[in-house]
Amino acid sequence: MMTRDQAIGAALMVGSIAGIAIYGWLLISPFSELIIKLTAFVAVAGVLGILAWIGYTLATTPPPKPIEEIEKEIEEELRKLEEEAKREEQKTASGAQA
């Protein structure tokens, strides 16, 4: 019995082989020049579209925090944790004395 992944893989393989056959048939048809032009356009548009998306992402993403600011935040959090641990120690010590 075929699993879902195997069925998807088989469908992709059959579809790809059919696409290759159809594309090959189109290249020997009277429309071959148009097919080649469309193929080149789609390939170039795809690459340039991806580059545009990367550029947009870079242009609209805010810059990361400087390392110094992150270090300060970490130091503050560590100091808070240390103070909290000291308070817990003092509560434990005063509870044991009582």
Protein backbone atom coordinates (compact mmCIF):
# COMPACT_ATOMS: atom_id res chain seq x y z
CA MET A 1 0.00 0.00 0.00
CA MET A 2 1.30 3.41 -0.98
CA THR A 3 1.76 6.11 1.68
CA ARG A 4 0.57 9.67 1.13
CA ASP A 5 4.16 10.88 0.59
CA GLN A 6 4.80 8.16 -1.96
CA ALA A 7 1.57 9.05 -3.80
CA ILE A 8 2.57 12.72 -3.91
CA GLY A 9 6.04 11.74 -5.12
CA ALA A 10 4.61 9.53 -7.86
CA ALA A 11 2.22 12.29 -8.96
CA LEU A 12 5.09 14.80 -9.09
CA MET A 13 7.17 12.40 -11.17
CA VAL A 14 4.35 11.66 -13.64
CA GLY A 15 3.46 15.35 -13.88
CA SER A 16 7.07 16.31 -14.49
CA ILE A 17 7.52 13.72 -17.22
CA ALA A 18 4.27 14.89 -18.84
CA GLY A 19 5.45 18.51 -18.61
CA ILE A 20 8.74 17.60 -20.28
CA ALA A 21 6.89 15.79 -23.07
CA ILE A 22 4.44 18.67 -23.62
CA TYR A 23 7.23 21.26 -23.58
CA GLY A 24 9.26 19.20 -26.07
CA TRP A 25 6.21 18.87 -28.33
CA LEU A 26 5.62 22.64 -28.12
CA LEU A 27 9.22 23.33 -29.11
CA ILE A 28 8.80 21.42 -32.37
CA SER A 29 5.42 23.02 -33.08
CA PRO A 30 4.94 26.13 -35.22
CA PHE A 31 4.79 28.14 -31.98
CA SER A 32 8.33 27.20 -30.94
CA GLU A 33 9.68 30.76 -31.12
CA LEU A 34 6.86 32.03 -28.92
CA ILE A 35 7.40 29.18 -26.44
CA ILE A 36 11.13 29.96 -26.19
CA LYS A 37 10.40 33.67 -25.67
CA LEU A 38 7.80 32.90 -23.00
CA THR A 39 10.18 30.49 -21.26
CA ALA A 40 12.98 33.06 -21.21
CA PHE A 41 10.60 35.75 -19.95
CA VAL A 42 9.25 33.58 -17.13
CA ALA A 43 12.77 32.57 -16.07
CA VAL A 44 14.09 36.14 -16.04
CA ALA A 45 10.94 37.49 -14.37
CA GLY A 46 11.17 34.78 -11.71
CA VAL A 47 14.79 35.57 -10.85
CA LEU A 48 14.21 39.34 -10.85
CA GLY A 49 11.03 38.88 -8.82
CA ILE A 50 12.97 36.98 -6.16
CA LEU A 51 15.65 39.69 -6.14
CA ALA A 52 12.94 42.36 -5.77
CA TRP A 53 11.43 40.45 -2.85
CA ILE A 54 14.83 40.21 -1.16
CA GLY A 55 15.41 43.94 -1.74
CA TYR A 56 12.00 44.82 -0.32
CA THR A 57 12.64 42.66 2.73
CA LEU A 58 16.04 44.27 3.32
CA ALA A 59 14.61 47.77 2.84
CA THR A 60 11.66 47.32 5.20
CA THR A 61 13.20 45.23 7.99
CA PRO A 62 14.40 47.31 10.93
CA PRO A 63 18.08 46.96 11.80
CA PRO A 64 19.00 44.67 14.69
CA LYS A 65 19.83 46.07 18.13
CA PRO A 66 23.49 46.86 18.70
CA ILE A 67 25.41 44.18 20.63
CA GLU A 68 26.14 46.66 23.44
CA GLU A 69 22.43 47.21 24.04
CA ILE A 70 21.76 43.48 24.13
CA GLU A 71 24.64 42.97 26.57
CA LYS A 72 23.22 45.68 28.85
CA GLU A 73 19.80 44.01 28.81
CA ILE A 74 21.36 40.64 29.67
CA GLU A 75 23.38 42.18 32.51
CA GLU A 76 20.24 43.83 33.91
CA GLU A 77 18.34 40.54 33.78
CA LEU A 78 21.23 38.71 35.47
CA ARG A 79 21.38 41.36 38.19
CA LYS A 80 17.62 41.02 38.77
CA LEU A 81 17.93 37.25 38.99
CA GLU A 82 20.83 37.52 41.44
CA GLU A 83 18.86 39.94 43.63
CA GLU A 84 15.85 37.63 43.53
CA ALA A 85 18.05 34.65 44.47
CA LYS A 86 19.49 36.62 47.41
CA ARG A 87 15.99 37.51 48.60
CA GLU A 88 14.98 33.86 48.38
CA GLU A 89 18.08 32.90 50.36
CA GLN A 90 17.26 35.47 53.02
CA LYS A 91 13.65 34.22 53.25
CA THR A 92 14.88 30.64 53.54
CA ALA A 93 17.48 31.60 56.17
CA SER A 94 15.00 33.65 58.22
CA GLY A 95 12.42 30.86 57.96
CA ALA A 96 14.94 28.30 59.21
CA GLN A 97 15.87 30.50 62.20
CA ALA A 98 12.28 30.92 63.32
